[in-house]
């Protein structure tokens, strides 16, 4: 199972929130192992270090790209 925390700005509070979610999920033994993924448009260096120290994967995403929007410079009109 994977627990994912998605934020616009990734800071330490988001990492702590993910840790709390995973802690609660571990109480249900039927779920098995739970991995954490911390996702944000931008992740602060301190948050990245903390997340990785806790064994979470850190992913930075471009929200506009996820929505299928392209940068203005690529448009013809």
PDB file of N, CA and C in Angstrom:
ATOM      1  N   UNK A   1       0.847  -1.170   0.000  1.00  0.00           N
ATOM      2  CA  UNK A   1       0.000   0.000   0.000  1.00  0.00           C
ATOM      3  C   UNK A   1       0.894   1.237   0.000  1.00  0.00           C
ATOM      4  N   UNK A   2       0.407   2.278  -0.636  1.00  0.00           N
ATOM      5  CA  UNK A   2       1.156   3.529  -0.724  1.00  0.00           C
ATOM      6  C   UNK A   2       0.278   4.664  -0.193  1.00  0.00           C
ATOM      7  N   UNK A   3       0.845   5.454   0.714  1.00  0.00           N
ATOM      8  CA  UNK A   3       0.176   6.664   1.209  1.00  0.00           C
ATOM      9  C   UNK A   3       0.856   7.849   0.536  1.00  0.00           C
ATOM     10  N   UNK A   4       0.055   8.733  -0.056  1.00  0.00           N
ATOM     11  CA  UNK A   4       0.602   9.865  -0.803  1.00  0.00           C
ATOM     12  C   UNK A   4       0.078  11.165  -0.204  1.00  0.00           C
ATOM     13  N   UNK A   5       0.983  12.077   0.071  1.00  0.00           N
ATOM     14  CA  UNK A   5       0.631  13.426   0.542  1.00  0.00           C
ATOM     15  C   UNK A   5       0.975  14.387  -0.589  1.00  0.00           C
ATOM     16  N   UNK A   6      -0.016  15.130  -1.087  1.00  0.00           N
ATOM     17  CA  UNK A   6       0.192  16.056  -2.195  1.00  0.00           C
ATOM     18  C   UNK A   6       0.008  17.484  -1.685  1.00  0.00           C
ATOM     19  N   UNK A   7       0.995  18.312  -1.936  1.00  0.00           N
ATOM     20  CA  UNK A   7       0.970  19.708  -1.505  1.00  0.00           C
ATOM     21  C   UNK A   7       1.432  20.602  -2.647  1.00  0.00           C
ATOM     22  N   UNK A   8       1.005  21.852  -2.615  1.00  0.00           N
ATOM     23  CA  UNK A   8       1.524  22.817  -3.587  1.00  0.00           C
ATOM     24  C   UNK A   8       2.964  23.161  -3.212  1.00  0.00           C
ATOM     25  N   UNK A   9       3.184  23.478  -1.934  1.00  0.00           N
ATOM     26  CA  UNK A   9       4.538  23.759  -1.429  1.00  0.00           C
ATOM     27  C   UNK A   9       4.881  22.699  -0.400  1.00  0.00           C
ATOM     28  N   UNK A  10       5.944  21.977  -0.650  1.00  0.00           N
ATOM     29  CA  UNK A  10       6.349  20.910   0.254  1.00  0.00           C
ATOM     30  C   UNK A  10       7.229  21.428   1.364  1.00  0.00           C
ATOM     31  N   UNK A  11       6.681  21.428   2.571  1.00  0.00           N
ATOM     32  CA  UNK A  11       7.492  21.842   3.710  1.00  0.00           C
ATOM     33  C   UNK A  11       7.427  20.767   4.795  1.00  0.00           C
ATOM     34  N   UNK A  12       8.068  21.034   5.906  1.00  0.00           N
ATOM     35  CA  UNK A  12       8.170  20.044   6.974  1.00  0.00           C
ATOM     36  C   UNK A  12       6.794  19.635   7.499  1.00  0.00           C
ATOM     37  N   UNK A  13       5.842  20.557   7.548  1.00  0.00           N
ATOM     38  CA  UNK A  13       4.499  20.221   8.031  1.00  0.00           C
ATOM     39  C   UNK A  13       3.856  19.121   7.185  1.00  0.00           C
ATOM     40  N   UNK A  14       4.065  19.171   5.887  1.00  0.00           N
ATOM     41  CA  UNK A  14       3.517  18.141   5.007  1.00  0.00           C
ATOM     42  C   UNK A  14       4.143  16.781   5.255  1.00  0.00           C
ATOM     43  N   UNK A  15       5.437  16.769   5.510  1.00  0.00           N
ATOM     44  CA  UNK A  15       6.129  15.510   5.817  1.00  0.00           C
ATOM     45  C   UNK A  15       5.597  14.944   7.129  1.00  0.00           C
ATOM     46  N   UNK A  16       5.415  15.812   8.117  1.00  0.00           N
ATOM     47  CA  UNK A  16       4.879  15.367   9.407  1.00  0.00           C
ATOM     48  C   UNK A  16       3.465  14.811   9.245  1.00  0.00           C
ATOM     49  N   UNK A  17       2.662  15.443   8.391  1.00  0.00           N
ATOM     50  CA  UNK A  17       1.301  14.956   8.148  1.00  0.00           C
ATOM     51  C   UNK A  17       1.338  13.563   7.532  1.00  0.00           C
ATOM     52  N   UNK A  18       2.198  13.360   6.563  1.00  0.00           N
ATOM     53  CA  UNK A  18       2.334  12.042   5.941  1.00  0.00           C
ATOM     54  C   UNK A  18       2.772  11.013   6.972  1.00  0.00           C
ATOM     55  N   UNK A  19       3.688  11.373   7.839  1.00  0.00           N
ATOM     56  CA  UNK A  19       4.151  10.452   8.885  1.00  0.00           C
ATOM     57  C   UNK A  19       2.996  10.056   9.805  1.00  0.00           C
ATOM     58  N   UNK A  20       2.133  11.013  10.142  1.00  0.00           N
ATOM     59  CA  UNK A  20       0.976  10.699  10.992  1.00  0.00           C
ATOM     60  C   UNK A  20       0.006   9.764  10.278  1.00  0.00           C
ATOM     61  N   UNK A  21      -0.243  10.005   8.987  1.00  0.00           N
ATOM     62  CA  UNK A  21      -1.121   9.119   8.214  1.00  0.00           C
ATOM     63  C   UNK A  21      -0.587   7.694   8.238  1.00  0.00           C
ATOM     64  N   UNK A  22       0.695   7.564   7.964  1.00  0.00           N
ATOM     65  CA  UNK A  22       1.294   6.231   7.895  1.00  0.00           C
ATOM     66  C   UNK A  22       1.264   5.557   9.263  1.00  0.00           C
ATOM     67  N   UNK A  23       1.509   6.322  10.305  1.00  0.00           N
ATOM     68  CA  UNK A  23       1.447   5.769  11.662  1.00  0.00           C
ATOM     69  C   UNK A  23       0.062   5.187  11.940  1.00  0.00           C
ATOM     70  N   UNK A  24      -0.972   5.905  11.539  1.00  0.00           N
ATOM     71  CA  UNK A  24      -2.345   5.417  11.740  1.00  0.00           C
ATOM     72  C   UNK A  24      -2.636   4.195  10.870  1.00  0.00           C
ATOM     73  N   UNK A  25      -2.143   4.201   9.644  1.00  0.00           N
ATOM     74  CA  UNK A  25      -2.371   3.064   8.759  1.00  0.00           C
ATOM     75  C   UNK A  25      -1.679   1.807   9.268  1.00  0.00           C
ATOM     76  N   UNK A  26      -0.538   1.967   9.930  1.00  0.00           N
ATOM     77  CA  UNK A  26       0.177   0.818  10.484  1.00  0.00           C
ATOM     78  C   UNK A  26      -0.619   0.136  11.598  1.00  0.00           C
ATOM     79  N   UNK A  27      -1.575   0.829  12.184  1.00  0.00           N
ATOM     80  CA  UNK A  27      -2.400   0.228  13.227  1.00  0.00           C
ATOM     81  C   UNK A  27      -3.313  -0.854  12.669  1.00  0.00           C
ATOM     82  N   UNK A  28      -3.587  -0.804  11.378  1.00  0.00           N
ATOM     83  CA  UNK A  28      -4.426  -1.815  10.724  1.00  0.00           C
ATOM     84  C   UNK A  28      -3.514  -2.848  10.079  1.00  0.00           C
ATOM     85  N   UNK A  29      -3.323  -3.968  10.748  1.00  0.00           N
ATOM     86  CA  UNK A  29      -2.389  -4.990  10.262  1.00  0.00           C
ATOM     87  C   UNK A  29      -2.826  -5.616   8.940  1.00  0.00           C
ATOM     88  N   UNK A  30      -4.091  -5.488   8.581  1.00  0.00           N
ATOM     89  CA  UNK A  30      -4.552  -6.076   7.320  1.00  0.00           C
ATOM     90  C   UNK A  30      -4.014  -5.331   6.100  1.00  0.00           C
ATOM     91  N   UNK A  31      -3.486  -4.119   6.299  1.00  0.00           N
ATOM     92  CA  UNK A  31      -2.969  -3.328   5.175  1.00  0.00           C
ATOM     93  C   UNK A  31      -1.559  -3.741   4.766  1.00  0.00           C
ATOM     94  N   UNK A  32      -0.842  -4.403   5.644  1.00  0.00           N
ATOM     95  CA  UNK A  32       0.541  -4.782   5.334  1.00  0.00           C
ATOM     96  C   UNK A  32       1.458  -3.579   5.392  1.00  0.00           C
ATOM     97  N   UNK A  33       2.546  -3.671   4.663  1.00  0.00           N
ATOM     98  CA  UNK A  33       3.531  -2.584   4.645  1.00  0.00           C
ATOM     99  C   UNK A  33       2.952  -1.361   3.926  1.00  0.00           C
ATOM    100  N   UNK A  34       3.207  -0.188   4.476  1.00  0.00           N
ATOM    101  CA  UNK A  34       2.733   1.064   3.881  1.00  0.00           C
ATOM    102  C   UNK A  34       3.943   1.922   3.552  1.00  0.00           C
ATOM    103  N   UNK A  35       4.049   2.306   2.279  1.00  0.00           N
ATOM    104  CA  UNK A  35       5.130   3.198   1.844  1.00  0.00           C
ATOM    105  C   UNK A  35       4.582   4.608   1.735  1.00  0.00           C
ATOM    106  N   UNK A  36       5.464   5.592   1.899  1.00  0.00           N
ATOM    107  CA  UNK A  36       5.056   6.983   1.816  1.00  0.00           C
ATOM    108  C   UNK A  36       5.674   7.690   0.625  1.00  0.00           C
ATOM    109  N   UNK A  37       4.866   8.518  -0.041  1.00  0.00           N
ATOM    110  CA  UNK A  37       5.341   9.345  -1.148  1.00  0.00           C
ATOM    111  C   UNK A  37       4.898  10.778  -0.866  1.00  0.00           C
ATOM    112  N   UNK A  38       5.863  11.684  -0.832  1.00  0.00           N
ATOM    113  CA  UNK A  38       5.599  13.099  -0.583  1.00  0.00           C
ATOM    114  C   UNK A  38       5.710  13.824  -1.914  1.00  0.00           C
ATOM    115  N   UNK A  39       4.598  14.406  -2.379  1.00  0.00           N
ATOM    116  CA  UNK A  39       4.524  15.027  -3.697  1.00  0.00           C
ATOM    117  C   UNK A  39       4.199  16.509  -3.538  1.00  0.00           C
ATOM    118  N   UNK A  40       4.943  17.361  -4.253  1.00  0.00           N
ATOM    119  CA  UNK A  40       4.677  18.799  -4.190  1.00  0.00           C
ATOM    120  C   UNK A  40       5.189  19.469  -5.453  1.00  0.00           C
ATOM    121  N   UNK A  41       4.661  20.654  -5.702  1.00  0.00           N
ATOM    122  CA  UNK A  41       5.130  21.429  -6.852  1.00  0.00           C
ATOM    123  C   UNK A  41       6.563  21.890  -6.607  1.00  0.00           C
ATOM    124  N   UNK A  42       6.864  22.254  -5.366  1.00  0.00           N
ATOM    125  CA  UNK A  42       8.242  22.561  -4.985  1.00  0.00           C
ATOM    126  C   UNK A  42       8.440  22.064  -3.555  1.00  0.00           C
ATOM    127  N   UNK A  43       9.572  21.441  -3.313  1.00  0.00           N
ATOM    128  CA  UNK A  43       9.866  20.870  -1.999  1.00  0.00           C
ATOM    129  C   UNK A  43      11.052  21.617  -1.400  1.00  0.00           C
ATOM    130  N   UNK A  44      10.863  22.124  -0.193  1.00  0.00           N
ATOM    131  CA  UNK A  44      11.954  22.814   0.495  1.00  0.00           C
ATOM    132  C   UNK A  44      13.037  21.800   0.862  1.00  0.00           C
ATOM    133  N   UNK A  45      14.293  22.224   0.826  1.00  0.00           N
ATOM    134  CA  UNK A  45      15.396  21.292   1.103  1.00  0.00           C
ATOM    135  C   UNK A  45      15.272  20.572   2.448  1.00  0.00           C
ATOM    136  N   UNK A  46      14.848  21.284   3.492  1.00  0.00           N
ATOM    137  CA  UNK A  46      14.717  20.655   4.805  1.00  0.00           C
ATOM    138  C   UNK A  46      13.645  19.570   4.790  1.00  0.00           C
ATOM    139  N   UNK A  47      12.564  19.819   4.074  1.00  0.00           N
ATOM    140  CA  UNK A  47      11.481  18.844   3.980  1.00  0.00           C
ATOM    141  C   UNK A  47      11.942  17.613   3.211  1.00  0.00           C
ATOM    142  N   UNK A  48      12.727  17.821   2.170  1.00  0.00           N
ATOM    143  CA  UNK A  48      13.234  16.693   1.390  1.00  0.00           C
ATOM    144  C   UNK A  48      14.138  15.811   2.244  1.00  0.00           C
ATOM    145  N   UNK A  49      15.025  16.431   3.009  1.00  0.00           N
ATOM    146  CA  UNK A  49      15.927  15.669   3.878  1.00  0.00           C
ATOM    147  C   UNK A  49      15.124  14.872   4.909  1.00  0.00           C
ATOM    148  N   UNK A  50      14.136  15.515   5.535  1.00  0.00           N
ATOM    149  CA  UNK A  50      13.324  14.842   6.545  1.00  0.00           C
ATOM    150  C   UNK A  50      12.530  13.689   5.937  1.00  0.00           C
ATOM    151  N   UNK A  51      11.916  13.932   4.780  1.00  0.00           N
ATOM    152  CA  UNK A  51      11.124  12.887   4.127  1.00  0.00           C
ATOM    153  C   UNK A  51      11.995  11.686   3.774  1.00  0.00           C
ATOM    154  N   UNK A  52      13.140  11.936   3.196  1.00  0.00           N
ATOM    155  CA  UNK A  52      14.027  10.834   2.822  1.00  0.00           C
ATOM    156  C   UNK A  52      14.556  10.113   4.057  1.00  0.00           C
ATOM    157  N   UNK A  53      14.811  10.846   5.139  1.00  0.00           N
ATOM    158  CA  UNK A  53      15.271  10.221   6.382  1.00  0.00           C
ATOM    159  C   UNK A  53      14.206   9.293   6.965  1.00  0.00           C
ATOM    160  N   UNK A  54      12.955   9.603   6.698  1.00  0.00           N
ATOM    161  CA  UNK A  54      11.852   8.759   7.178  1.00  0.00           C
ATOM    162  C   UNK A  54      11.492   7.656   6.188  1.00  0.00           C
ATOM    163  N   UNK A  55      12.233   7.575   5.102  1.00  0.00           N
ATOM    164  CA  UNK A  55      12.002   6.513   4.130  1.00  0.00           C
ATOM    165  C   UNK A  55      10.935   6.822   3.107  1.00  0.00           C
ATOM    166  N   UNK A  56      10.529   8.084   2.997  1.00  0.00           N
ATOM    167  CA  UNK A  56       9.514   8.469   2.024  1.00  0.00           C
ATOM    168  C   UNK A  56      10.186   8.833   0.706  1.00  0.00           C
ATOM    169  N   UNK A  57       9.506   8.540  -0.371  1.00  0.00           N
ATOM    170  CA  UNK A  57       9.966   8.991  -1.682  1.00  0.00           C
ATOM    171  C   UNK A  57       9.490  10.433  -1.869  1.00  0.00           C
ATOM    172  N   UNK A  58      10.319  11.261  -2.478  1.00  0.00           N
ATOM    173  CA  UNK A  58       9.982  12.669  -2.716  1.00  0.00           C
ATOM    174  C   UNK A  58       9.877  12.894  -4.221  1.00  0.00           C
ATOM    175  N   UNK A  59       8.756  13.481  -4.654  1.00  0.00           N
ATOM    176  CA  UNK A  59       8.524  13.731  -6.075  1.00  0.00           C
ATOM    177  C   UNK A  59       8.065  15.175  -6.248  1.00  0.00           C
ATOM    178  N   UNK A  60       8.723  15.902  -7.151  1.00  0.00           N
ATOM    179  CA  UNK A  60       8.278  17.253  -7.506  1.00  0.00           C
ATOM    180  C   UNK A  60       7.538  17.167  -8.833  1.00  0.00           C
ATOM    181  N   UNK A  61       6.373  17.808  -8.897  1.00  0.00           N
ATOM    182  CA  UNK A  61       5.546  17.758 -10.098  1.00  0.00           C
ATOM    183  C   UNK A  61       5.210  19.172 -10.560  1.00  0.00           C
ATOM    184  N   UNK A  62       4.932  19.301 -11.839  1.00  0.00           N
ATOM    185  CA  UNK A  62       4.490  20.564 -12.426  1.00  0.00           C
ATOM    186  C   UNK A  62       2.971  20.477 -12.576  1.00  0.00           C
ATOM    187  N   UNK A  63       2.236  21.237 -11.771  1.00  0.00           N
ATOM    188  CA  UNK A  63       0.776  21.173 -11.788  1.00  0.00           C
ATOM    189  C   UNK A  63       0.197  21.490 -13.160  1.00  0.00           C
ATOM    190  N   UNK A  64       0.758  22.484 -13.848  1.00  0.00           N
ATOM    191  CA  UNK A  64       0.247  22.836 -15.174  1.00  0.00           C
ATOM    192  C   UNK A  64       0.404  21.675 -16.144  1.00  0.00           C
ATOM    193  N   UNK A  65       1.523  21.000 -16.078  1.00  0.00           N
ATOM    194  CA  UNK A  65       1.745  19.854 -16.965  1.00  0.00           C
ATOM    195  C   UNK A  65       0.769  18.728 -16.636  1.00  0.00           C
ATOM    196  N   UNK A  66       0.500  18.513 -15.353  1.00  0.00           N
ATOM    197  CA  UNK A  66      -0.462  17.485 -14.959  1.00  0.00           C
ATOM    198  C   UNK A  66      -1.857  17.787 -15.493  1.00  0.00           C
ATOM    199  N   UNK A  67      -2.193  19.067 -15.578  1.00  0.00           N
ATOM    200  CA  UNK A  67      -3.498  19.474 -16.104  1.00  0.00           C
ATOM    201  C   UNK A  67      -3.533  19.476 -17.624  1.00  0.00           C
ATOM    202  N   UNK A  68      -2.407  19.184 -18.241  1.00  0.00           N
ATOM    203  CA  UNK A  68      -2.353  19.168 -19.695  1.00  0.00           C
ATOM    204  C   UNK A  68      -2.099  20.524 -20.305  1.00  0.00           C
ATOM    205  N   UNK A  69      -1.751  21.510 -19.489  1.00  0.00           N
ATOM    206  CA  UNK A  69      -1.477  22.852 -19.999  1.00  0.00           C
ATOM    207  C   UNK A  69      -0.017  22.937 -20.415  1.00  0.00           C
ATOM    208  N   UNK A  70       0.206  23.637 -21.476  1.00  0.00           N
ATOM    209  CA  UNK A  70       1.571  23.835 -21.952  1.00  0.00           C
ATOM    210  C   UNK A  70       1.972  25.281 -21.716  1.00  0.00           C
ATOM    211  N   UNK A  71       3.258  25.540 -21.608  1.00  0.00           N
ATOM    212  CA  UNK A  71       3.713  26.930 -21.438  1.00  0.00           C
ATOM    213  C   UNK A  71       3.246  27.817 -22.588  1.00  0.00           C
ATOM    214  N   UNK A  72       3.017  29.090 -22.296  1.00  0.00           N
ATOM    215  CA  UNK A  72       2.519  30.043 -23.294  1.00  0.00           C
ATOM    216  C   UNK A  72       3.414  30.141 -24.522  1.00  0.00           C
ATOM    217  N   UNK A  73       4.709  29.979 -24.353  1.00  0.00           N
ATOM    218  CA  UNK A  73       5.602  30.155 -25.495  1.00  0.00           C
ATOM    219  C   UNK A  73       5.429  29.067 -26.562  1.00  0.00           C
ATOM    220  N   UNK A  74       4.731  27.991 -26.243  1.00  0.00           N
ATOM    221  CA  UNK A  74       4.507  26.941 -27.231  1.00  0.00           C
ATOM    222  C   UNK A  74       3.216  27.144 -28.031  1.00  0.00           C
ATOM    223  N   UNK A  75       2.410  28.114 -27.654  1.00  0.00           N
ATOM    224  CA  UNK A  75       1.130  28.336 -28.326  1.00  0.00           C
ATOM    225  C   UNK A  75       1.311  29.147 -29.604  1.00  0.00           C
ATOM    226  N   UNK A  76       0.500  28.841 -30.600  1.00  0.00           N
ATOM    227  CA  UNK A  76       0.540  29.578 -31.858  1.00  0.00           C
ATOM    228  C   UNK A  76      -0.318  30.834 -31.797  1.00  0.00           C
ATOM    229  N   UNK A  77      -1.329  30.852 -30.972  1.00  0.00           N
ATOM    230  CA  UNK A  77      -2.273  31.975 -30.939  1.00  0.00           C
ATOM    231  C   UNK A  77      -2.284  32.627 -29.589  1.00  0.00           C
TER     232      UNK A  77
END
